[in-house]
């Protein structure tokens, strides 16, 4: 009972202070997914990606999900280490993923 009263008091105080910290505004978001289907790197069509993301230029935020992406079985942390210290040791999947990221970044510019 004491803990729930304390929690309720904290929530009430937080609700009263919301206007101090939150400024509502409209945000335009483009969100979509692309089914990569383990596509080979040479099949990557940057003009299709650019067409798909062309609406993002009016947006504040673009959210892109890639489905069935071959990213390899190693951890993200290991990939970061290899990116930093041993780029040649990077596994194939991460190279493919980086190629997609590069194509998406180019399309969003």
PDB file of N, CA and C in Angstrom:
ATOM      1  N   UNK A   1       0.813  -1.206   0.000  1.00  0.00           N
ATOM      2  CA  UNK A   1       0.000   0.000   0.000  1.00  0.00           C
ATOM      3  C   UNK A   1       0.855   1.270   0.000  1.00  0.00           C
ATOM      4  N   UNK A   2       1.898   1.304   0.880  1.00  0.00           N
ATOM      5  CA  UNK A   2       2.736   2.500   0.957  1.00  0.00           C
ATOM      6  C   UNK A   2       3.444   2.738  -0.369  1.00  0.00           C
ATOM      7  N   UNK A   3       3.972   1.669  -0.964  1.00  0.00           N
ATOM      8  CA  UNK A   3       4.691   1.808  -2.233  1.00  0.00           C
ATOM      9  C   UNK A   3       3.764   2.277  -3.346  1.00  0.00           C
ATOM     10  N   UNK A   4       2.562   1.777  -3.387  1.00  0.00           N
ATOM     11  CA  UNK A   4       1.634   2.190  -4.448  1.00  0.00           C
ATOM     12  C   UNK A   4       1.199   3.644  -4.260  1.00  0.00           C
ATOM     13  N   UNK A   5       1.031   4.094  -3.003  1.00  0.00           N
ATOM     14  CA  UNK A   5       0.689   5.503  -2.759  1.00  0.00           C
ATOM     15  C   UNK A   5       1.841   6.394  -3.205  1.00  0.00           C
ATOM     16  N   UNK A   6       3.061   5.950  -2.901  1.00  0.00           N
ATOM     17  CA  UNK A   6       4.238   6.737  -3.295  1.00  0.00           C
ATOM     18  C   UNK A   6       4.340   6.798  -4.820  1.00  0.00           C
ATOM     19  N   UNK A   7       4.118   5.644  -5.467  1.00  0.00           N
ATOM     20  CA  UNK A   7       4.156   5.605  -6.918  1.00  0.00           C
ATOM     21  C   UNK A   7       3.084   6.518  -7.499  1.00  0.00           C
ATOM     22  N   UNK A   8       1.874   6.467  -6.949  1.00  0.00           N
ATOM     23  CA  UNK A   8       0.781   7.313  -7.429  1.00  0.00           C
ATOM     24  C   UNK A   8       1.119   8.792  -7.262  1.00  0.00           C
ATOM     25  N   UNK A   9       1.764   9.134  -6.150  1.00  0.00           N
ATOM     26  CA  UNK A   9       2.156  10.527  -5.916  1.00  0.00           C
ATOM     27  C   UNK A   9       3.194  10.970  -6.944  1.00  0.00           C
ATOM     28  N   UNK A  10       4.145  10.087  -7.252  1.00  0.00           N
ATOM     29  CA  UNK A  10       5.157  10.412  -8.268  1.00  0.00           C
ATOM     30  C   UNK A  10       4.517  10.582  -9.640  1.00  0.00           C
ATOM     31  N   UNK A  11       3.588   9.697  -9.982  1.00  0.00           N
ATOM     32  CA  UNK A  11       2.902   9.795 -11.271  1.00  0.00           C
ATOM     33  C   UNK A  11       2.096  11.083 -11.374  1.00  0.00           C
ATOM     34  N   UNK A  12       1.432  11.464 -10.291  1.00  0.00           N
ATOM     35  CA  UNK A  12       0.649  12.706 -10.284  1.00  0.00           C
ATOM     36  C   UNK A  12       1.569  13.909 -10.477  1.00  0.00           C
ATOM     37  N   UNK A  13       2.702  13.918  -9.799  1.00  0.00           N
ATOM     38  CA  UNK A  13       3.664  15.015  -9.948  1.00  0.00           C
ATOM     39  C   UNK A  13       4.205  15.059 -11.374  1.00  0.00           C
ATOM     40  N   UNK A  14       4.476  13.899 -11.940  1.00  0.00           N
ATOM     41  CA  UNK A  14       4.972  13.831 -13.309  1.00  0.00           C
ATOM     42  C   UNK A  14       3.936  14.366 -14.295  1.00  0.00           C
ATOM     43  N   UNK A  15       2.690  13.975 -14.112  1.00  0.00           N
ATOM     44  CA  UNK A  15       1.616  14.448 -15.002  1.00  0.00           C
ATOM     45  C   UNK A  15       1.466  15.979 -14.928  1.00  0.00           C
ATOM     46  N   UNK A  16       1.604  16.532 -13.738  1.00  0.00           N
ATOM     47  CA  UNK A  16       1.509  17.995 -13.591  1.00  0.00           C
ATOM     48  C   UNK A  16       2.656  18.706 -14.291  1.00  0.00           C
ATOM     49  N   UNK A  17       3.817  18.068 -14.364  1.00  0.00           N
ATOM     50  CA  UNK A  17       4.985  18.738 -14.947  1.00  0.00           C
ATOM     51  C   UNK A  17       5.163  18.470 -16.437  1.00  0.00           C
ATOM     52  N   UNK A  18       4.303  17.654 -17.037  1.00  0.00           N
ATOM     53  CA  UNK A  18       4.423  17.329 -18.463  1.00  0.00           C
ATOM     54  C   UNK A  18       4.522  18.570 -19.344  1.00  0.00           C
ATOM     55  N   UNK A  19       3.679  19.590 -19.155  1.00  0.00           N
ATOM     56  CA  UNK A  19       3.773  20.765 -20.030  1.00  0.00           C
ATOM     57  C   UNK A  19       5.130  21.471 -19.985  1.00  0.00           C
ATOM     58  N   UNK A  20       5.876  21.299 -18.916  1.00  0.00           N
ATOM     59  CA  UNK A  20       7.200  21.920 -18.820  1.00  0.00           C
ATOM     60  C   UNK A  20       8.212  21.249 -19.748  1.00  0.00           C
ATOM     61  N   UNK A  21       7.996  19.966 -20.041  1.00  0.00           N
ATOM     62  CA  UNK A  21       8.997  19.193 -20.760  1.00  0.00           C
ATOM     63  C   UNK A  21       8.588  18.766 -22.163  1.00  0.00           C
ATOM     64  N   UNK A  22       7.304  18.770 -22.445  1.00  0.00           N
ATOM     65  CA  UNK A  22       6.829  18.266 -23.730  1.00  0.00           C
ATOM     66  C   UNK A  22       6.164  19.389 -24.505  1.00  0.00           C
ATOM     67  N   UNK A  23       6.643  19.588 -25.722  1.00  0.00           N
ATOM     68  CA  UNK A  23       6.047  20.569 -26.614  1.00  0.00           C
ATOM     69  C   UNK A  23       5.467  19.803 -27.799  1.00  0.00           C
ATOM     70  N   UNK A  24       4.155  19.678 -27.859  1.00  0.00           N
ATOM     71  CA  UNK A  24       3.574  18.922 -28.974  1.00  0.00           C
ATOM     72  C   UNK A  24       3.799  19.643 -30.300  1.00  0.00           C
ATOM     73  N   UNK A  25       4.137  18.873 -31.323  1.00  0.00           N
ATOM     74  CA  UNK A  25       4.223  19.421 -32.675  1.00  0.00           C
ATOM     75  C   UNK A  25       4.035  18.300 -33.671  1.00  0.00           C
ATOM     76  N   UNK A  26       3.645  18.672 -34.853  1.00  0.00           N
ATOM     77  CA  UNK A  26       3.430  17.679 -35.891  1.00  0.00           C
ATOM     78  C   UNK A  26       4.765  17.226 -36.454  1.00  0.00           C
ATOM     79  N   UNK A  27       4.852  15.940 -36.697  1.00  0.00           N
ATOM     80  CA  UNK A  27       6.053  15.359 -37.290  1.00  0.00           C
ATOM     81  C   UNK A  27       5.595  14.458 -38.433  1.00  0.00           C
ATOM     82  N   UNK A  28       6.215  14.621 -39.586  1.00  0.00           N
ATOM     83  CA  UNK A  28       5.883  13.779 -40.730  1.00  0.00           C
ATOM     84  C   UNK A  28       6.909  12.648 -40.794  1.00  0.00           C
ATOM     85  N   UNK A  29       6.397  11.413 -40.806  1.00  0.00           N
ATOM     86  CA  UNK A  29       7.250  10.222 -40.769  1.00  0.00           C
ATOM     87  C   UNK A  29       6.973   9.357 -41.994  1.00  0.00           C
ATOM     88  N   UNK A  30       8.027   8.894 -42.640  1.00  0.00           N
ATOM     89  CA  UNK A  30       7.908   7.877 -43.673  1.00  0.00           C
ATOM     90  C   UNK A  30       8.434   6.585 -43.066  1.00  0.00           C
ATOM     91  N   UNK A  31       7.612   5.553 -43.060  1.00  0.00           N
ATOM     92  CA  UNK A  31       8.031   4.264 -42.515  1.00  0.00           C
ATOM     93  C   UNK A  31       7.702   3.184 -43.534  1.00  0.00           C
ATOM     94  N   UNK A  32       8.645   2.290 -43.747  1.00  0.00           N
ATOM     95  CA  UNK A  32       8.402   1.210 -44.684  1.00  0.00           C
ATOM     96  C   UNK A  32       9.391   0.089 -44.500  1.00  0.00           C
ATOM     97  N   UNK A  33       9.076  -1.035 -45.113  1.00  0.00           N
ATOM     98  CA  UNK A  33       9.978  -2.180 -45.074  1.00  0.00           C
ATOM     99  C   UNK A  33      10.231  -2.652 -46.496  1.00  0.00           C
ATOM    100  N   UNK A  34      11.383  -3.229 -46.690  1.00  0.00           N
ATOM    101  CA  UNK A  34      11.783  -3.772 -47.986  1.00  0.00           C
ATOM    102  C   UNK A  34      12.173  -5.220 -47.749  1.00  0.00           C
ATOM    103  N   UNK A  35      11.535  -6.137 -48.454  1.00  0.00           N
ATOM    104  CA  UNK A  35      11.885  -7.544 -48.317  1.00  0.00           C
ATOM    105  C   UNK A  35      13.072  -7.831 -49.219  1.00  0.00           C
ATOM    106  N   UNK A  36      14.239  -7.874 -48.626  1.00  0.00           N
ATOM    107  CA  UNK A  36      15.486  -8.083 -49.353  1.00  0.00           C
ATOM    108  C   UNK A  36      15.554  -9.501 -49.919  1.00  0.00           C
ATOM    109  N   UNK A  37      14.955 -10.454 -49.211  1.00  0.00           N
ATOM    110  CA  UNK A  37      14.913 -11.848 -49.647  1.00  0.00           C
ATOM    111  C   UNK A  37      16.314 -12.382 -49.959  1.00  0.00           C
ATOM    112  N   UNK A  38      17.274 -12.037 -49.098  1.00  0.00           N
ATOM    113  CA  UNK A  38      18.680 -12.468 -49.253  1.00  0.00           C
ATOM    114  C   UNK A  38      19.220 -12.144 -50.638  1.00  0.00           C
ATOM    115  N   UNK A  39      18.830 -11.001 -51.171  1.00  0.00           N
ATOM    116  CA  UNK A  39      19.247 -10.554 -52.496  1.00  0.00           C
ATOM    117  C   UNK A  39      20.772 -10.451 -52.578  1.00  0.00           C
ATOM    118  N   UNK A  40      21.325 -10.846 -53.683  1.00  0.00           N
ATOM    119  CA  UNK A  40      22.773 -10.723 -53.901  1.00  0.00           C
ATOM    120  C   UNK A  40      23.118  -9.252 -54.104  1.00  0.00           C
ATOM    121  N   UNK A  41      24.336  -8.896 -53.736  1.00  0.00           N
ATOM    122  CA  UNK A  41      24.769  -7.507 -53.795  1.00  0.00           C
ATOM    123  C   UNK A  41      24.640  -6.937 -55.207  1.00  0.00           C
ATOM    124  N   UNK A  42      24.968  -7.719 -56.232  1.00  0.00           N
ATOM    125  CA  UNK A  42      24.884  -7.222 -57.607  1.00  0.00           C
ATOM    126  C   UNK A  42      23.432  -6.988 -58.054  1.00  0.00           C
ATOM    127  N   UNK A  43      22.467  -7.516 -57.307  1.00  0.00           N
ATOM    128  CA  UNK A  43      21.053  -7.307 -57.618  1.00  0.00           C
ATOM    129  C   UNK A  43      20.502  -6.043 -56.967  1.00  0.00           C
ATOM    130  N   UNK A  44      21.291  -5.403 -56.141  1.00  0.00           N
ATOM    131  CA  UNK A  44      20.864  -4.194 -55.438  1.00  0.00           C
ATOM    132  C   UNK A  44      20.616  -3.083 -56.451  1.00  0.00           C
ATOM    133  N   UNK A  45      19.385  -2.626 -56.534  1.00  0.00           N
ATOM    134  CA  UNK A  45      18.998  -1.611 -57.508  1.00  0.00           C
ATOM    135  C   UNK A  45      18.805  -0.283 -56.774  1.00  0.00           C
ATOM    136  N   UNK A  46      19.818   0.563 -56.860  1.00  0.00           N
ATOM    137  CA  UNK A  46      19.772   1.819 -56.102  1.00  0.00           C
ATOM    138  C   UNK A  46      18.691   2.766 -56.622  1.00  0.00           C
ATOM    139  N   UNK A  47      18.353   2.681 -57.917  1.00  0.00           N
ATOM    140  CA  UNK A  47      17.308   3.579 -58.423  1.00  0.00           C
ATOM    141  C   UNK A  47      15.939   3.180 -57.861  1.00  0.00           C
ATOM    142  N   UNK A  48      15.714   1.888 -57.650  1.00  0.00           N
ATOM    143  CA  UNK A  48      14.459   1.451 -57.034  1.00  0.00           C
ATOM    144  C   UNK A  48      14.357   1.938 -55.598  1.00  0.00           C
ATOM    145  N   UNK A  49      15.474   1.879 -54.900  1.00  0.00           N
ATOM    146  CA  UNK A  49      15.497   2.366 -53.512  1.00  0.00           C
ATOM    147  C   UNK A  49      15.234   3.866 -53.487  1.00  0.00           C
ATOM    148  N   UNK A  50      15.867   4.595 -54.405  1.00  0.00           N
ATOM    149  CA  UNK A  50      15.667   6.046 -54.470  1.00  0.00           C
ATOM    150  C   UNK A  50      14.213   6.387 -54.767  1.00  0.00           C
ATOM    151  N   UNK A  51      13.578   5.645 -55.669  1.00  0.00           N
ATOM    152  CA  UNK A  51      12.167   5.871 -55.986  1.00  0.00           C
ATOM    153  C   UNK A  51      11.302   5.586 -54.770  1.00  0.00           C
ATOM    154  N   UNK A  52      11.573   4.463 -54.118  1.00  0.00           N
ATOM    155  CA  UNK A  52      10.805   4.055 -52.946  1.00  0.00           C
ATOM    156  C   UNK A  52      10.883   5.102 -51.840  1.00  0.00           C
ATOM    157  N   UNK A  53      12.058   5.680 -51.645  1.00  0.00           N
ATOM    158  CA  UNK A  53      12.263   6.631 -50.544  1.00  0.00           C
ATOM    159  C   UNK A  53      12.118   8.090 -50.971  1.00  0.00           C
ATOM    160  N   UNK A  54      11.672   8.339 -52.188  1.00  0.00           N
ATOM    161  CA  UNK A  54      11.597   9.722 -52.672  1.00  0.00           C
ATOM    162  C   UNK A  54      10.671  10.586 -51.821  1.00  0.00           C
ATOM    163  N   UNK A  55       9.658  10.002 -51.215  1.00  0.00           N
ATOM    164  CA  UNK A  55       8.752  10.754 -50.354  1.00  0.00           C
ATOM    165  C   UNK A  55       9.373  11.185 -49.036  1.00  0.00           C
ATOM    166  N   UNK A  56      10.530  10.650 -48.713  1.00  0.00           N
ATOM    167  CA  UNK A  56      11.165  10.959 -47.428  1.00  0.00           C
ATOM    168  C   UNK A  56      11.731  12.369 -47.378  1.00  0.00           C
ATOM    169  N   UNK A  57      11.905  13.005 -48.519  1.00  0.00           N
ATOM    170  CA  UNK A  57      12.519  14.336 -48.517  1.00  0.00           C
ATOM    171  C   UNK A  57      11.637  15.382 -47.840  1.00  0.00           C
ATOM    172  N   UNK A  58      10.328  15.127 -47.747  1.00  0.00           N
ATOM    173  CA  UNK A  58       9.423  16.043 -47.048  1.00  0.00           C
ATOM    174  C   UNK A  58       9.284  15.684 -45.575  1.00  0.00           C
ATOM    175  N   UNK A  59       9.915  14.614 -45.143  1.00  0.00           N
ATOM    176  CA  UNK A  59       9.700  14.081 -43.795  1.00  0.00           C
ATOM    177  C   UNK A  59      10.738  14.566 -42.803  1.00  0.00           C
ATOM    178  N   UNK A  60      10.346  14.511 -41.542  1.00  0.00           N
ATOM    179  CA  UNK A  60      11.266  14.779 -40.451  1.00  0.00           C
ATOM    180  C   UNK A  60      12.032  13.524 -40.064  1.00  0.00           C
ATOM    181  N   UNK A  61      11.415  12.362 -40.323  1.00  0.00           N
ATOM    182  CA  UNK A  61      12.002  11.100 -39.889  1.00  0.00           C
ATOM    183  C   UNK A  61      11.658  10.017 -40.908  1.00  0.00           C
ATOM    184  N   UNK A  62      12.673   9.243 -41.310  1.00  0.00           N
ATOM    185  CA  UNK A  62      12.455   8.089 -42.184  1.00  0.00           C
ATOM    186  C   UNK A  62      12.864   6.841 -41.416  1.00  0.00           C
ATOM    187  N   UNK A  63      11.949   5.871 -41.374  1.00  0.00           N
ATOM    188  CA  UNK A  63      12.201   4.611 -40.686  1.00  0.00           C
ATOM    189  C   UNK A  63      12.170   3.517 -41.745  1.00  0.00           C
ATOM    190  N   UNK A  64      13.296   2.827 -41.898  1.00  0.00           N
ATOM    191  CA  UNK A  64      13.413   1.808 -42.940  1.00  0.00           C
ATOM    192  C   UNK A  64      13.746   0.476 -42.297  1.00  0.00           C
ATOM    193  N   UNK A  65      12.928  -0.520 -42.587  1.00  0.00           N
ATOM    194  CA  UNK A  65      13.182  -1.874 -42.107  1.00  0.00           C
ATOM    195  C   UNK A  65      13.542  -2.758 -43.280  1.00  0.00           C
ATOM    196  N   UNK A  66      14.555  -3.575 -43.115  1.00  0.00           N
ATOM    197  CA  UNK A  66      14.963  -4.523 -44.150  1.00  0.00           C
ATOM    198  C   UNK A  66      14.661  -5.928 -43.653  1.00  0.00           C
ATOM    199  N   UNK A  67      13.832  -6.647 -44.396  1.00  0.00           N
ATOM    200  CA  UNK A  67      13.440  -8.008 -44.024  1.00  0.00           C
ATOM    201  C   UNK A  67      14.336  -9.010 -44.739  1.00  0.00           C
ATOM    202  N   UNK A  68      14.539 -10.145 -44.090  1.00  0.00           N
ATOM    203  CA  UNK A  68      15.307 -11.254 -44.642  1.00  0.00           C
ATOM    204  C   UNK A  68      16.695 -10.805 -45.107  1.00  0.00           C
ATOM    205  N   UNK A  69      17.304  -9.975 -44.290  1.00  0.00           N
ATOM    206  CA  UNK A  69      18.638  -9.451 -44.587  1.00  0.00           C
ATOM    207  C   UNK A  69      19.685 -10.442 -44.108  1.00  0.00           C
ATOM    208  N   UNK A  70      20.605 -10.792 -44.967  1.00  0.00           N
ATOM    209  CA  UNK A  70      21.717 -11.663 -44.590  1.00  0.00           C
ATOM    210  C   UNK A  70      22.759 -10.785 -43.901  1.00  0.00           C
ATOM    211  N   UNK A  71      22.798 -10.865 -42.578  1.00  0.00           N
ATOM    212  CA  UNK A  71      23.743 -10.030 -41.834  1.00  0.00           C
ATOM    213  C   UNK A  71      24.815 -10.859 -41.140  1.00  0.00           C
ATOM    214  N   UNK A  72      24.799 -12.131 -41.317  1.00  0.00           N
ATOM    215  CA  UNK A  72      25.817 -12.964 -40.689  1.00  0.00           C
ATOM    216  C   UNK A  72      25.454 -13.290 -39.256  1.00  0.00           C
ATOM    217  N   UNK A  73      26.181 -14.236 -38.691  1.00  0.00           N
ATOM    218  CA  UNK A  73      25.838 -14.737 -37.370  1.00  0.00           C
ATOM    219  C   UNK A  73      26.593 -14.090 -36.234  1.00  0.00           C
ATOM    220  N   UNK A  74      27.447 -13.154 -36.499  1.00  0.00           N
ATOM    221  CA  UNK A  74      28.255 -12.545 -35.432  1.00  0.00           C
ATOM    222  C   UNK A  74      27.535 -11.364 -34.810  1.00  0.00           C
ATOM    223  N   UNK A  75      27.997 -10.967 -33.669  1.00  0.00           N
ATOM    224  CA  UNK A  75      27.344  -9.884 -32.934  1.00  0.00           C
ATOM    225  C   UNK A  75      27.644  -8.525 -33.551  1.00  0.00           C
ATOM    226  N   UNK A  76      26.783  -7.580 -33.257  1.00  0.00           N
ATOM    227  CA  UNK A  76      26.973  -6.212 -33.716  1.00  0.00           C
ATOM    228  C   UNK A  76      28.263  -5.638 -33.128  1.00  0.00           C
ATOM    229  N   UNK A  77      28.545  -5.955 -31.887  1.00  0.00           N
ATOM    230  CA  UNK A  77      29.755  -5.433 -31.244  1.00  0.00           C
ATOM    231  C   UNK A  77      31.001  -5.908 -31.977  1.00  0.00           C
ATOM    232  N   UNK A  78      31.031  -7.183 -32.354  1.00  0.00           N
ATOM    233  CA  UNK A  78      32.189  -7.699 -33.086  1.00  0.00           C
ATOM    234  C   UNK A  78      32.312  -7.019 -34.444  1.00  0.00           C
ATOM    235  N   UNK A  79      31.188  -6.766 -35.076  1.00  0.00           N
ATOM    236  CA  UNK A  79      31.197  -6.078 -36.352  1.00  0.00           C
ATOM    237  C   UNK A  79      31.788  -4.674 -36.216  1.00  0.00           C
ATOM    238  N   UNK A  80      31.418  -3.973 -35.128  1.00  0.00           N
ATOM    239  CA  UNK A  80      31.968  -2.636 -34.908  1.00  0.00           C
ATOM    240  C   UNK A  80      33.476  -2.672 -34.714  1.00  0.00           C
ATOM    241  N   UNK A  81      33.961  -3.658 -33.982  1.00  0.00           N
ATOM    242  CA  UNK A  81      35.404  -3.797 -33.770  1.00  0.00           C
ATOM    243  C   UNK A  81      36.102  -4.038 -35.099  1.00  0.00           C
ATOM    244  N   UNK A  82      35.540  -4.934 -35.910  1.00  0.00           N
ATOM    245  CA  UNK A  82      36.145  -5.208 -37.211  1.00  0.00           C
ATOM    246  C   UNK A  82      36.095  -3.982 -38.116  1.00  0.00           C
ATOM    247  N   UNK A  83      34.993  -3.233 -38.058  1.00  0.00           N
ATOM    248  CA  UNK A  83      34.902  -2.007 -38.851  1.00  0.00           C
ATOM    249  C   UNK A  83      36.015  -1.037 -38.480  1.00  0.00           C
ATOM    250  N   UNK A  84      36.290  -0.967 -37.193  1.00  0.00           N
ATOM    251  CA  UNK A  84      37.258  -0.013 -36.696  1.00  0.00           C
ATOM    252  C   UNK A  84      38.703  -0.463 -36.911  1.00  0.00           C
ATOM    253  N   UNK A  85      38.974  -1.752 -36.642  1.00  0.00           N
ATOM    254  CA  UNK A  85      40.357  -2.202 -36.608  1.00  0.00           C
ATOM    255  C   UNK A  85      40.769  -3.155 -37.728  1.00  0.00           C
ATOM    256  N   UNK A  86      39.843  -3.870 -38.324  1.00  0.00           N
ATOM    257  CA  UNK A  86      40.225  -4.886 -39.300  1.00  0.00           C
ATOM    258  C   UNK A  86      39.136  -5.043 -40.352  1.00  0.00           C
ATOM    259  N   UNK A  87      38.958  -4.019 -41.160  1.00  0.00           N
ATOM    260  CA  UNK A  87      37.867  -4.022 -42.130  1.00  0.00           C
ATOM    261  C   UNK A  87      37.912  -5.243 -43.050  1.00  0.00           C
ATOM    262  N   UNK A  88      39.089  -5.731 -43.389  1.00  0.00           N
ATOM    263  CA  UNK A  88      39.203  -6.878 -44.281  1.00  0.00           C
ATOM    264  C   UNK A  88      38.698  -8.176 -43.681  1.00  0.00           C
ATOM    265  N   UNK A  89      38.574  -8.251 -42.366  1.00  0.00           N
ATOM    266  CA  UNK A  89      38.122  -9.465 -41.704  1.00  0.00           C
ATOM    267  C   UNK A  89      36.603  -9.535 -41.557  1.00  0.00           C
ATOM    268  N   UNK A  90      35.939  -8.513 -42.054  1.00  0.00           N
ATOM    269  CA  UNK A  90      34.499  -8.436 -41.884  1.00  0.00           C
ATOM    270  C   UNK A  90      33.800  -9.576 -42.621  1.00  0.00           C
ATOM    271  N   UNK A  91      32.784 -10.128 -42.002  1.00  0.00           N
ATOM    272  CA  UNK A  91      32.061 -11.221 -42.648  1.00  0.00           C
ATOM    273  C   UNK A  91      31.185 -10.692 -43.774  1.00  0.00           C
ATOM    274  N   UNK A  92      30.900 -11.547 -44.733  1.00  0.00           N
ATOM    275  CA  UNK A  92      30.163 -11.174 -45.940  1.00  0.00           C
ATOM    276  C   UNK A  92      28.823 -10.526 -45.635  1.00  0.00           C
ATOM    277  N   UNK A  93      28.090 -11.085 -44.718  1.00  0.00           N
ATOM    278  CA  UNK A  93      26.767 -10.562 -44.415  1.00  0.00           C
ATOM    279  C   UNK A  93      26.789  -9.113 -43.990  1.00  0.00           C
ATOM    280  N   UNK A  94      27.752  -8.748 -43.177  1.00  0.00           N
ATOM    281  CA  UNK A  94      27.830  -7.366 -42.735  1.00  0.00           C
ATOM    282  C   UNK A  94      28.190  -6.441 -43.886  1.00  0.00           C
ATOM    283  N   UNK A  95      28.996  -6.905 -44.825  1.00  0.00           N
ATOM    284  CA  UNK A  95      29.331  -6.099 -45.993  1.00  0.00           C
ATOM    285  C   UNK A  95      28.074  -5.832 -46.815  1.00  0.00           C
ATOM    286  N   UNK A  96      27.238  -6.857 -46.989  1.00  0.00           N
ATOM    287  CA  UNK A  96      25.983  -6.701 -47.723  1.00  0.00           C
ATOM    288  C   UNK A  96      25.074  -5.709 -47.001  1.00  0.00           C
ATOM    289  N   UNK A  97      24.961  -5.858 -45.695  1.00  0.00           N
ATOM    290  CA  UNK A  97      24.131  -4.942 -44.910  1.00  0.00           C
ATOM    291  C   UNK A  97      24.637  -3.510 -45.051  1.00  0.00           C
ATOM    292  N   UNK A  98      25.947  -3.333 -45.015  1.00  0.00           N
ATOM    293  CA  UNK A  98      26.503  -1.989 -45.152  1.00  0.00           C
ATOM    294  C   UNK A  98      26.225  -1.421 -46.535  1.00  0.00           C
ATOM    295  N   UNK A  99      26.220  -2.286 -47.549  1.00  0.00           N
ATOM    296  CA  UNK A  99      25.904  -1.829 -48.898  1.00  0.00           C
ATOM    297  C   UNK A  99      24.472  -1.314 -48.969  1.00  0.00           C
ATOM    298  N   UNK A 100      23.545  -2.024 -48.305  1.00  0.00           N
ATOM    299  CA  UNK A 100      22.159  -1.562 -48.246  1.00  0.00           C
ATOM    300  C   UNK A 100      22.072  -0.238 -47.503  1.00  0.00           C
ATOM    301  N   UNK A 101      22.758  -0.131 -46.389  1.00  0.00           N
ATOM    302  CA  UNK A 101      22.746   1.115 -45.623  1.00  0.00           C
ATOM    303  C   UNK A 101      23.275   2.266 -46.486  1.00  0.00           C
ATOM    304  N   UNK A 102      24.358   2.017 -47.222  1.00  0.00           N
ATOM    305  CA  UNK A 102      24.914   3.039 -48.102  1.00  0.00           C
ATOM    306  C   UNK A 102      23.921   3.477 -49.177  1.00  0.00           C
ATOM    307  N   UNK A 103      23.232   2.506 -49.779  1.00  0.00           N
ATOM    308  CA  UNK A 103      22.243   2.828 -50.805  1.00  0.00           C
ATOM    309  C   UNK A 103      21.082   3.622 -50.223  1.00  0.00           C
ATOM    310  N   UNK A 104      20.656   3.267 -49.031  1.00  0.00           N
ATOM    311  CA  UNK A 104      19.560   3.989 -48.370  1.00  0.00           C
ATOM    312  C   UNK A 104      19.995   5.411 -48.011  1.00  0.00           C
ATOM    313  N   UNK A 105      21.197   5.556 -47.467  1.00  0.00           N
ATOM    314  CA  UNK A 105      21.700   6.893 -47.121  1.00  0.00           C
ATOM    315  C   UNK A 105      21.793   7.771 -48.360  1.00  0.00           C
ATOM    316  N   UNK A 106      22.278   7.198 -49.465  1.00  0.00           N
ATOM    317  CA  UNK A 106      22.377   7.957 -50.716  1.00  0.00           C
ATOM    318  C   UNK A 106      20.991   8.403 -51.183  1.00  0.00           C
ATOM    319  N   UNK A 107      20.012   7.517 -51.111  1.00  0.00           N
ATOM    320  CA  UNK A 107      18.662   7.842 -51.544  1.00  0.00           C
ATOM    321  C   UNK A 107      18.033   8.929 -50.673  1.00  0.00           C
ATOM    322  N   UNK A 108      18.413   8.983 -49.415  1.00  0.00           N
ATOM    323  CA  UNK A 108      17.813   9.966 -48.492  1.00  0.00           C
ATOM    324  C   UNK A 108      18.489  11.336 -48.555  1.00  0.00           C
ATOM    325  N   UNK A 109      19.589  11.433 -49.240  1.00  0.00           N
ATOM    326  CA  UNK A 109      20.292  12.739 -49.317  1.00  0.00           C
ATOM    327  C   UNK A 109      19.604  13.698 -50.231  1.00  0.00           C
TER     328      UNK A 109
END
